[in-house]
Amino acid sequence: MVVHDYSEVDLDIVDETLRNREYKKILKIVLTIKDRVKIFGILLGLNEL
């Protein structure tokens, strides 16, 4: 999983979730990142990501 340096995601949570095979949680984290990136792009006036 690639997470941008400025992301507020705690990578330890991601690592633990992957170890425990809790993929539903990973999906929620990924969708949250996607939503934040989309909002950030809109705020900057960028086209849809």
N, C-alpha and C. Protein backbone atom coordinates (compact mmCIF):
# COMPACT_ATOMS: atom_id res chain seq x y z
N MET A 1 0.85 -1.17 0.00
CA MET A 1 0.00 0.00 0.00
C MET A 1 0.89 1.23 0.00
N VAL A 2 0.58 2.16 -0.85
CA VAL A 2 1.34 3.39 -0.93
C VAL A 2 0.51 4.50 -0.31
N VAL A 3 1.09 5.19 0.65
CA VAL A 3 0.40 6.30 1.30
C VAL A 3 1.30 7.51 1.21
N HIS A 4 0.74 8.63 0.80
CA HIS A 4 1.51 9.86 0.63
C HIS A 4 2.07 10.30 1.97
N ASP A 5 3.24 10.94 1.94
CA ASP A 5 3.91 11.39 3.16
C ASP A 5 3.03 12.29 4.02
N TYR A 6 2.15 13.06 3.42
CA TYR A 6 1.35 14.01 4.17
C TYR A 6 0.03 13.43 4.66
N SER A 7 -0.18 12.18 4.42
CA SER A 7 -1.42 11.53 4.85
C SER A 7 -1.44 11.45 6.37
N GLU A 8 -2.63 11.50 6.92
CA GLU A 8 -2.79 11.40 8.37
C GLU A 8 -3.11 9.97 8.80
N VAL A 9 -2.80 9.01 7.96
CA VAL A 9 -3.10 7.61 8.26
C VAL A 9 -1.97 7.04 9.12
N ASP A 10 -2.34 6.41 10.22
CA ASP A 10 -1.37 5.75 11.08
C ASP A 10 -1.00 4.42 10.42
N LEU A 11 0.21 4.33 9.90
CA LEU A 11 0.62 3.13 9.16
C LEU A 11 0.70 1.90 10.05
N ASP A 12 0.86 2.08 11.35
CA ASP A 12 0.85 0.93 12.26
C ASP A 12 -0.52 0.25 12.25
N ILE A 13 -1.57 1.06 12.16
CA ILE A 13 -2.92 0.49 12.08
C ILE A 13 -3.07 -0.31 10.80
N VAL A 14 -2.54 0.21 9.71
CA VAL A 14 -2.61 -0.49 8.42
C VAL A 14 -1.85 -1.81 8.51
N ASP A 15 -0.64 -1.78 9.06
CA ASP A 15 0.16 -3.01 9.19
C ASP A 15 -0.55 -4.05 10.05
N GLU A 16 -1.08 -3.62 11.18
CA GLU A 16 -1.78 -4.56 12.07
C GLU A 16 -3.01 -5.15 11.39
N THR A 17 -3.73 -4.31 10.67
CA THR A 17 -4.94 -4.77 9.97
C THR A 17 -4.59 -5.79 8.91
N LEU A 18 -3.51 -5.55 8.16
CA LEU A 18 -3.08 -6.51 7.15
C LEU A 18 -2.67 -7.83 7.78
N ARG A 19 -1.96 -7.75 8.89
CA ARG A 19 -1.53 -8.97 9.59
C ARG A 19 -2.73 -9.79 10.04
N ASN A 20 -3.76 -9.11 10.50
CA ASN A 20 -4.96 -9.80 11.00
C ASN A 20 -5.95 -10.13 9.89
N ARG A 21 -5.60 -9.79 8.67
CA ARG A 21 -6.44 -10.06 7.50
C ARG A 21 -7.83 -9.43 7.63
N GLU A 22 -7.87 -8.24 8.17
CA GLU A 22 -9.13 -7.51 8.32
C GLU A 22 -9.28 -6.58 7.12
N TYR A 23 -9.57 -7.19 5.98
CA TYR A 23 -9.56 -6.45 4.72
C TYR A 23 -10.68 -5.42 4.61
N LYS A 24 -11.76 -5.63 5.34
CA LYS A 24 -12.85 -4.65 5.33
C LYS A 24 -12.36 -3.31 5.90
N LYS A 25 -11.53 -3.38 6.95
CA LYS A 25 -10.98 -2.16 7.54
C LYS A 25 -10.04 -1.48 6.56
N ILE A 26 -9.24 -2.28 5.84
CA ILE A 26 -8.32 -1.71 4.84
C ILE A 26 -9.12 -0.98 3.77
N LEU A 27 -10.21 -1.58 3.32
CA LEU A 27 -11.04 -0.95 2.30
C LEU A 27 -11.57 0.39 2.81
N LYS A 28 -12.01 0.44 4.07
CA LYS A 28 -12.50 1.69 4.64
C LYS A 28 -11.40 2.75 4.67
N ILE A 29 -10.19 2.36 5.04
CA ILE A 29 -9.06 3.30 5.07
C ILE A 29 -8.78 3.83 3.68
N VAL A 30 -8.75 2.93 2.70
CA VAL A 30 -8.47 3.33 1.32
C VAL A 30 -9.54 4.28 0.81
N LEU A 31 -10.80 3.98 1.08
CA LEU A 31 -11.89 4.86 0.62
C LEU A 31 -11.83 6.22 1.31
N THR A 32 -11.42 6.25 2.57
CA THR A 32 -11.27 7.53 3.28
C THR A 32 -10.17 8.36 2.64
N ILE A 33 -9.04 7.72 2.31
CA ILE A 33 -7.94 8.43 1.65
C ILE A 33 -8.41 8.95 0.30
N LYS A 34 -9.12 8.12 -0.45
CA LYS A 34 -9.61 8.53 -1.77
C LYS A 34 -10.52 9.75 -1.65
N ASP A 35 -11.43 9.73 -0.67
CA ASP A 35 -12.33 10.86 -0.48
C ASP A 35 -11.57 12.13 -0.12
N ARG A 36 -10.57 12.01 0.75
CA ARG A 36 -9.79 13.19 1.15
C ARG A 36 -9.00 13.75 -0.03
N VAL A 37 -8.45 12.86 -0.85
CA VAL A 37 -7.70 13.31 -2.03
C VAL A 37 -8.64 14.01 -3.00
N LYS A 38 -9.82 13.47 -3.17
CA LYS A 38 -10.80 14.07 -4.08
C LYS A 38 -11.20 15.46 -3.58
N ILE A 39 -11.49 15.59 -2.29
CA ILE A 39 -11.85 16.88 -1.71
C ILE A 39 -10.71 17.86 -1.86
N PHE A 40 -9.48 17.42 -1.59
CA PHE A 40 -8.31 18.28 -1.73
C PHE A 40 -8.17 18.76 -3.17
N GLY A 41 -8.41 17.86 -4.14
CA GLY A 41 -8.34 18.23 -5.55
C GLY A 41 -9.39 19.26 -5.92
N ILE A 42 -10.59 19.10 -5.37
CA ILE A 42 -11.66 20.06 -5.63
C ILE A 42 -11.29 21.42 -5.05
N LEU A 43 -10.72 21.42 -3.85
CA LEU A 43 -10.32 22.68 -3.21
C LEU A 43 -9.24 23.39 -4.01
N LEU A 44 -8.39 22.62 -4.69
CA LEU A 44 -7.33 23.21 -5.51
C LEU A 44 -7.82 23.56 -6.91
N GLY A 45 -9.05 23.18 -7.22
CA GLY A 45 -9.60 23.47 -8.54
C GLY A 45 -9.13 22.50 -9.61
N LEU A 46 -8.70 21.31 -9.18
CA LEU A 46 -8.26 20.29 -10.13
C LEU A 46 -9.47 19.52 -10.64
N ASN A 47 -9.33 18.93 -11.81
CA ASN A 47 -10.40 18.08 -12.33
C ASN A 47 -10.51 16.84 -11.48
N GLU A 48 -11.57 16.08 -11.71
CA GLU A 48 -11.79 14.86 -10.94
C GLU A 48 -10.59 13.94 -11.06
N LEU A 49 -10.19 13.37 -9.92
CA LEU A 49 -9.01 12.49 -9.88
C LEU A 49 -9.36 11.10 -10.29
